Amino acid sequence: MRTSKKDLEQYISTLNKSVNLKRIDGFKPYYELDCAYDGYKLVVINNKSRGNTEISDRMTAKELYAFIRAYLAGFETAQSKKAFRAWNTTYKSLDPSLCNGIT
């Protein structure tokens, strides 16, 4: 299947909805697709003057799609571990055998 620019933009929209970036000086950062030189990269727009931070190197659309999937999966894993820790501290009587290696 071919990955188009539109596919990447839709996936980045999903990423923006899923990952809650903290406000900096009243500005809410967001992820954006940077296109140039026949390649794509993921950046975060940091401020009103459109300063950005590169999240990925420049790559093909298909490679960036896979990168964003992995990036989003990492955030979801971190959130589930954070939720587990909060739950675990609330319920001190948790049986350690139920943790399955999550610390």
N, C-alpha and C. Protein backbone atom coordinates (compact mmCIF):
# COMPACT_ATOMS: atom_id res chain seq x y z
N MET A 1 0.84 -1.18 0.00
CA MET A 1 0.00 0.00 0.00
C MET A 1 0.89 1.25 0.00
N ARG A 2 0.56 2.20 -0.79
CA ARG A 2 1.31 3.44 -0.87
C ARG A 2 0.84 4.40 0.22
N THR A 3 1.80 5.05 0.86
CA THR A 3 1.49 6.02 1.91
C THR A 3 1.61 7.41 1.31
N SER A 4 0.54 8.17 1.37
CA SER A 4 0.52 9.51 0.78
C SER A 4 0.71 10.59 1.86
N LYS A 5 0.91 11.80 1.42
CA LYS A 5 1.02 12.94 2.32
C LYS A 5 -0.26 13.09 3.14
N LYS A 6 -1.39 12.85 2.51
CA LYS A 6 -2.68 12.95 3.20
C LYS A 6 -2.77 11.92 4.33
N ASP A 7 -2.26 10.70 4.08
CA ASP A 7 -2.25 9.67 5.12
C ASP A 7 -1.42 10.13 6.33
N LEU A 8 -0.26 10.71 6.04
CA LEU A 8 0.60 11.19 7.12
C LEU A 8 -0.07 12.31 7.90
N GLU A 9 -0.70 13.24 7.20
CA GLU A 9 -1.38 14.36 7.87
C GLU A 9 -2.51 13.87 8.77
N GLN A 10 -3.25 12.85 8.32
CA GLN A 10 -4.33 12.30 9.14
C GLN A 10 -3.77 11.61 10.38
N TYR A 11 -2.66 10.89 10.21
CA TYR A 11 -2.06 10.19 11.34
C TYR A 11 -1.47 11.18 12.34
N ILE A 12 -0.90 12.28 11.85
CA ILE A 12 -0.37 13.31 12.74
C ILE A 12 -1.51 14.00 13.48
N SER A 13 -2.65 14.14 12.85
CA SER A 13 -3.84 14.68 13.53
C SER A 13 -4.23 13.77 14.69
N THR A 14 -4.19 12.47 14.47
CA THR A 14 -4.48 11.50 15.52
C THR A 14 -3.45 11.62 16.64
N LEU A 15 -2.18 11.79 16.26
CA LEU A 15 -1.12 11.96 17.24
C LEU A 15 -1.37 13.20 18.10
N ASN A 16 -1.77 14.31 17.48
CA ASN A 16 -2.05 15.54 18.22
C ASN A 16 -3.21 15.37 19.20
N LYS A 17 -4.19 14.56 18.83
CA LYS A 17 -5.34 14.33 19.71
C LYS A 17 -4.97 13.39 20.86
N SER A 18 -4.05 12.46 20.60
CA SER A 18 -3.70 11.44 21.59
C SER A 18 -2.67 11.90 22.61
N VAL A 19 -1.72 12.72 22.17
CA VAL A 19 -0.62 13.15 23.04
C VAL A 19 -0.90 14.58 23.50
N ASN A 20 -0.98 14.74 24.80
CA ASN A 20 -1.29 16.05 25.36
C ASN A 20 0.02 16.77 25.71
N LEU A 21 0.49 17.66 24.83
CA LEU A 21 1.70 18.42 25.10
C LEU A 21 1.37 19.59 26.03
N LYS A 22 2.27 19.88 26.96
CA LYS A 22 2.03 20.94 27.93
C LYS A 22 2.21 22.32 27.31
N ARG A 23 1.39 23.26 27.77
CA ARG A 23 1.47 24.65 27.29
C ARG A 23 2.79 25.28 27.71
N ILE A 24 3.36 26.09 26.82
CA ILE A 24 4.59 26.83 27.11
C ILE A 24 4.29 28.30 26.88
N ASP A 25 4.35 29.09 27.94
CA ASP A 25 4.05 30.53 27.85
C ASP A 25 2.72 30.81 27.15
N GLY A 26 1.70 30.05 27.48
CA GLY A 26 0.37 30.26 26.92
C GLY A 26 0.17 29.68 25.52
N PHE A 27 1.18 29.00 24.98
CA PHE A 27 1.07 28.41 23.64
C PHE A 27 1.04 26.89 23.75
N LYS A 28 0.10 26.27 23.05
CA LYS A 28 0.01 24.81 23.08
C LYS A 28 0.78 24.24 21.89
N PRO A 29 1.92 23.57 22.14
CA PRO A 29 2.69 22.97 21.05
C PRO A 29 1.89 21.89 20.32
N TYR A 30 2.23 21.63 19.09
CA TYR A 30 1.55 20.59 18.32
C TYR A 30 2.51 19.98 17.30
N TYR A 31 2.20 18.75 16.90
CA TYR A 31 3.01 18.05 15.90
C TYR A 31 2.59 18.49 14.50
N GLU A 32 3.55 18.52 13.59
CA GLU A 32 3.27 18.93 12.22
C GLU A 32 4.19 18.16 11.27
N LEU A 33 3.73 18.01 10.05
CA LEU A 33 4.50 17.35 9.00
C LEU A 33 5.35 18.39 8.29
N ASP A 34 6.64 18.13 8.16
CA ASP A 34 7.55 19.01 7.42
C ASP A 34 7.91 18.28 6.13
N CYS A 35 7.68 18.93 5.00
CA CYS A 35 7.94 18.33 3.68
C CYS A 35 8.96 19.16 2.93
N ALA A 36 10.03 18.52 2.47
CA ALA A 36 11.02 19.20 1.64
C ALA A 36 11.99 18.16 1.09
N TYR A 37 12.58 18.49 -0.04
CA TYR A 37 13.62 17.64 -0.65
C TYR A 37 13.16 16.20 -0.83
N ASP A 38 11.95 16.01 -1.30
CA ASP A 38 11.39 14.68 -1.55
C ASP A 38 11.37 13.79 -0.31
N GLY A 39 11.20 14.39 0.86
CA GLY A 39 11.14 13.61 2.08
C GLY A 39 10.24 14.29 3.10
N TYR A 40 10.00 13.58 4.18
CA TYR A 40 9.11 14.06 5.23
C TYR A 40 9.80 13.89 6.58
N LYS A 41 9.45 14.76 7.53
CA LYS A 41 9.89 14.56 8.91
C LYS A 41 8.83 15.10 9.85
N LEU A 42 8.83 14.58 11.06
CA LEU A 42 7.90 14.99 12.10
C LEU A 42 8.57 16.06 12.95
N VAL A 43 7.86 17.17 13.17
CA VAL A 43 8.37 18.25 14.01
C VAL A 43 7.30 18.66 15.01
N VAL A 44 7.72 19.33 16.07
CA VAL A 44 6.81 19.93 17.04
C VAL A 44 6.95 21.44 16.90
N ILE A 45 5.83 22.12 16.68
CA ILE A 45 5.82 23.58 16.64
C ILE A 45 5.75 24.04 18.09
N ASN A 46 6.77 24.80 18.53
CA ASN A 46 6.93 25.15 19.94
C ASN A 46 6.37 26.49 20.37
N ASN A 47 6.24 27.43 19.44
CA ASN A 47 5.82 28.77 19.86
C ASN A 47 5.08 29.49 18.73
N LYS A 48 4.58 30.65 19.04
CA LYS A 48 3.77 31.42 18.09
C LYS A 48 4.53 31.82 16.84
N SER A 49 5.85 31.96 16.95
CA SER A 49 6.65 32.32 15.77
C SER A 49 7.05 31.10 14.97
N ARG A 50 6.42 29.96 15.25
CA ARG A 50 6.58 28.69 14.52
C ARG A 50 7.97 28.08 14.66
N GLY A 51 8.65 28.35 15.77
CA GLY A 51 9.90 27.65 16.05
C GLY A 51 9.58 26.18 16.23
N ASN A 52 10.47 25.29 15.76
CA ASN A 52 10.15 23.88 15.87
C ASN A 52 11.31 23.05 16.37
N THR A 53 10.98 21.85 16.81
CA THR A 53 11.94 20.85 17.24
C THR A 53 11.74 19.63 16.35
N GLU A 54 12.82 19.14 15.77
CA GLU A 54 12.73 17.94 14.92
C GLU A 54 12.59 16.70 15.80
N ILE A 55 11.59 15.91 15.50
CA ILE A 55 11.37 14.66 16.21
C ILE A 55 11.99 13.50 15.44
N SER A 56 11.94 13.57 14.12
CA SER A 56 12.50 12.50 13.28
C SER A 56 13.45 13.10 12.25
N ASP A 57 14.25 12.24 11.67
CA ASP A 57 15.06 12.62 10.51
C ASP A 57 14.15 12.65 9.29
N ARG A 58 14.65 13.18 8.19
CA ARG A 58 13.90 13.18 6.94
C ARG A 58 13.89 11.76 6.39
N MET A 59 12.72 11.30 5.95
CA MET A 59 12.57 9.93 5.45
C MET A 59 11.43 9.85 4.46
N THR A 60 11.20 8.67 3.90
CA THR A 60 10.08 8.50 2.97
C THR A 60 8.77 8.50 3.75
N ALA A 61 7.67 8.64 3.03
CA ALA A 61 6.34 8.66 3.67
C ALA A 61 6.08 7.35 4.41
N LYS A 62 6.42 6.25 3.78
CA LYS A 62 6.18 4.94 4.40
C LYS A 62 7.00 4.77 5.68
N GLU A 63 8.25 5.21 5.65
CA GLU A 63 9.10 5.12 6.83
C GLU A 63 8.59 6.02 7.95
N LEU A 64 8.16 7.22 7.60
CA LEU A 64 7.64 8.14 8.62
C LEU A 64 6.34 7.62 9.23
N TYR A 65 5.50 7.01 8.42
CA TYR A 65 4.26 6.42 8.93
C TYR A 65 4.58 5.37 10.00
N ALA A 66 5.56 4.51 9.72
CA ALA A 66 5.98 3.49 10.68
C ALA A 66 6.59 4.14 11.93
N PHE A 67 7.37 5.20 11.73
CA PHE A 67 7.98 5.92 12.85
C PHE A 67 6.90 6.50 13.76
N ILE A 68 5.89 7.13 13.18
CA ILE A 68 4.83 7.75 13.99
C ILE A 68 4.04 6.68 14.74
N ARG A 69 3.80 5.55 14.09
CA ARG A 69 3.10 4.44 14.78
C ARG A 69 3.89 4.01 16.01
N ALA A 70 5.21 3.85 15.87
CA ALA A 70 6.04 3.44 17.00
C ALA A 70 6.08 4.53 18.08
N TYR A 71 6.16 5.78 17.66
CA TYR A 71 6.19 6.92 18.57
C TYR A 71 4.91 6.96 19.40
N LEU A 72 3.78 6.80 18.75
CA LEU A 72 2.49 6.81 19.44
C LEU A 72 2.35 5.61 20.37
N ALA A 73 2.83 4.45 19.94
CA ALA A 73 2.79 3.25 20.79
C ALA A 73 3.62 3.46 22.06
N GLY A 74 4.75 4.16 21.93
CA GLY A 74 5.57 4.46 23.09
C GLY A 74 4.84 5.34 24.10
N PHE A 75 4.13 6.35 23.61
CA PHE A 75 3.33 7.20 24.50
C PHE A 75 2.23 6.40 25.18
N GLU A 76 1.57 5.55 24.43
CA GLU A 76 0.49 4.75 25.01
C GLU A 76 1.02 3.80 26.07
N THR A 77 2.20 3.23 25.84
CA THR A 77 2.81 2.34 26.82
C THR A 77 3.17 3.11 28.09
N ALA A 78 3.75 4.29 27.91
CA ALA A 78 4.11 5.12 29.06
C ALA A 78 2.87 5.50 29.86
N GLN A 79 1.78 5.83 29.18
CA GLN A 79 0.54 6.19 29.88
C GLN A 79 -0.04 5.01 30.64
N SER A 80 0.02 3.82 30.04
CA SER A 80 -0.53 2.65 30.73
C SER A 80 0.31 2.30 31.95
N LYS A 81 1.63 2.46 31.87
CA LYS A 81 2.49 2.20 33.04
C LYS A 81 2.22 3.24 34.12
N LYS A 82 2.02 4.51 33.71
CA LYS A 82 1.72 5.57 34.67
C LYS A 82 0.40 5.28 35.37
N ALA A 83 -0.59 4.85 34.62
CA ALA A 83 -1.89 4.51 35.19
C ALA A 83 -1.76 3.32 36.13
N PHE A 84 -0.94 2.33 35.74
CA PHE A 84 -0.75 1.15 36.58
C PHE A 84 -0.10 1.55 37.90
N ARG A 85 0.92 2.42 37.84
CA ARG A 85 1.58 2.85 39.08
C ARG A 85 0.61 3.58 40.00
N ALA A 86 -0.23 4.44 39.43
CA ALA A 86 -1.21 5.16 40.23
C ALA A 86 -2.19 4.17 40.87
N TRP A 87 -2.61 3.18 40.11
CA TRP A 87 -3.53 2.18 40.63
C TRP A 87 -2.84 1.36 41.71
N ASN A 88 -1.58 0.99 41.47
CA ASN A 88 -0.83 0.15 42.39
C ASN A 88 -0.60 0.86 43.72
N THR A 89 -0.35 2.16 43.71
CA THR A 89 -0.15 2.88 44.96
C THR A 89 -1.47 3.06 45.72
N THR A 90 -2.57 3.04 44.99
CA THR A 90 -3.88 3.15 45.64
C THR A 90 -4.27 1.84 46.32
N TYR A 91 -3.95 0.73 45.68
CA TYR A 91 -4.31 -0.59 46.20
C TYR A 91 -3.05 -1.31 46.65
N LYS A 92 -2.63 -1.07 47.89
CA LYS A 92 -1.38 -1.61 48.43
C LYS A 92 -1.39 -3.13 48.52
N SER A 93 -2.56 -3.74 48.55
CA SER A 93 -2.64 -5.19 48.73
C SER A 93 -2.53 -5.96 47.41
N LEU A 94 -2.04 -5.30 46.37
CA LEU A 94 -1.92 -5.95 45.06
C LEU A 94 -0.96 -7.14 45.15
N ASP A 95 -1.38 -8.25 44.61
CA ASP A 95 -0.53 -9.44 44.53
C ASP A 95 0.57 -9.20 43.50
N PRO A 96 1.87 -9.23 43.89
CA PRO A 96 2.97 -8.96 42.96
C PRO A 96 2.99 -9.89 41.74
N SER A 97 2.42 -11.08 41.86
CA SER A 97 2.42 -12.00 40.72
C SER A 97 1.54 -11.51 39.59
N LEU A 98 0.67 -10.52 39.86
CA LEU A 98 -0.21 -9.98 38.82
C LEU A 98 0.46 -8.89 38.00
N CYS A 99 1.64 -8.44 38.42
CA CYS A 99 2.30 -7.30 37.78
C CYS A 99 2.91 -7.64 36.43
N ASN A 100 3.24 -8.87 36.17
CA ASN A 100 3.83 -9.28 34.88
C ASN A 100 5.04 -8.47 34.50
N GLY A 101 5.91 -8.16 35.45
CA GLY A 101 7.15 -7.47 35.14
C GLY A 101 7.04 -5.97 35.00
N ILE A 102 5.87 -5.38 35.18
CA ILE A 102 5.72 -3.92 35.09
C ILE A 102 6.14 -3.31 36.42
N THR A 103 7.06 -2.36 36.36
CA THR A 103 7.51 -1.73 37.61
C THR A 103 7.27 -0.25 37.55
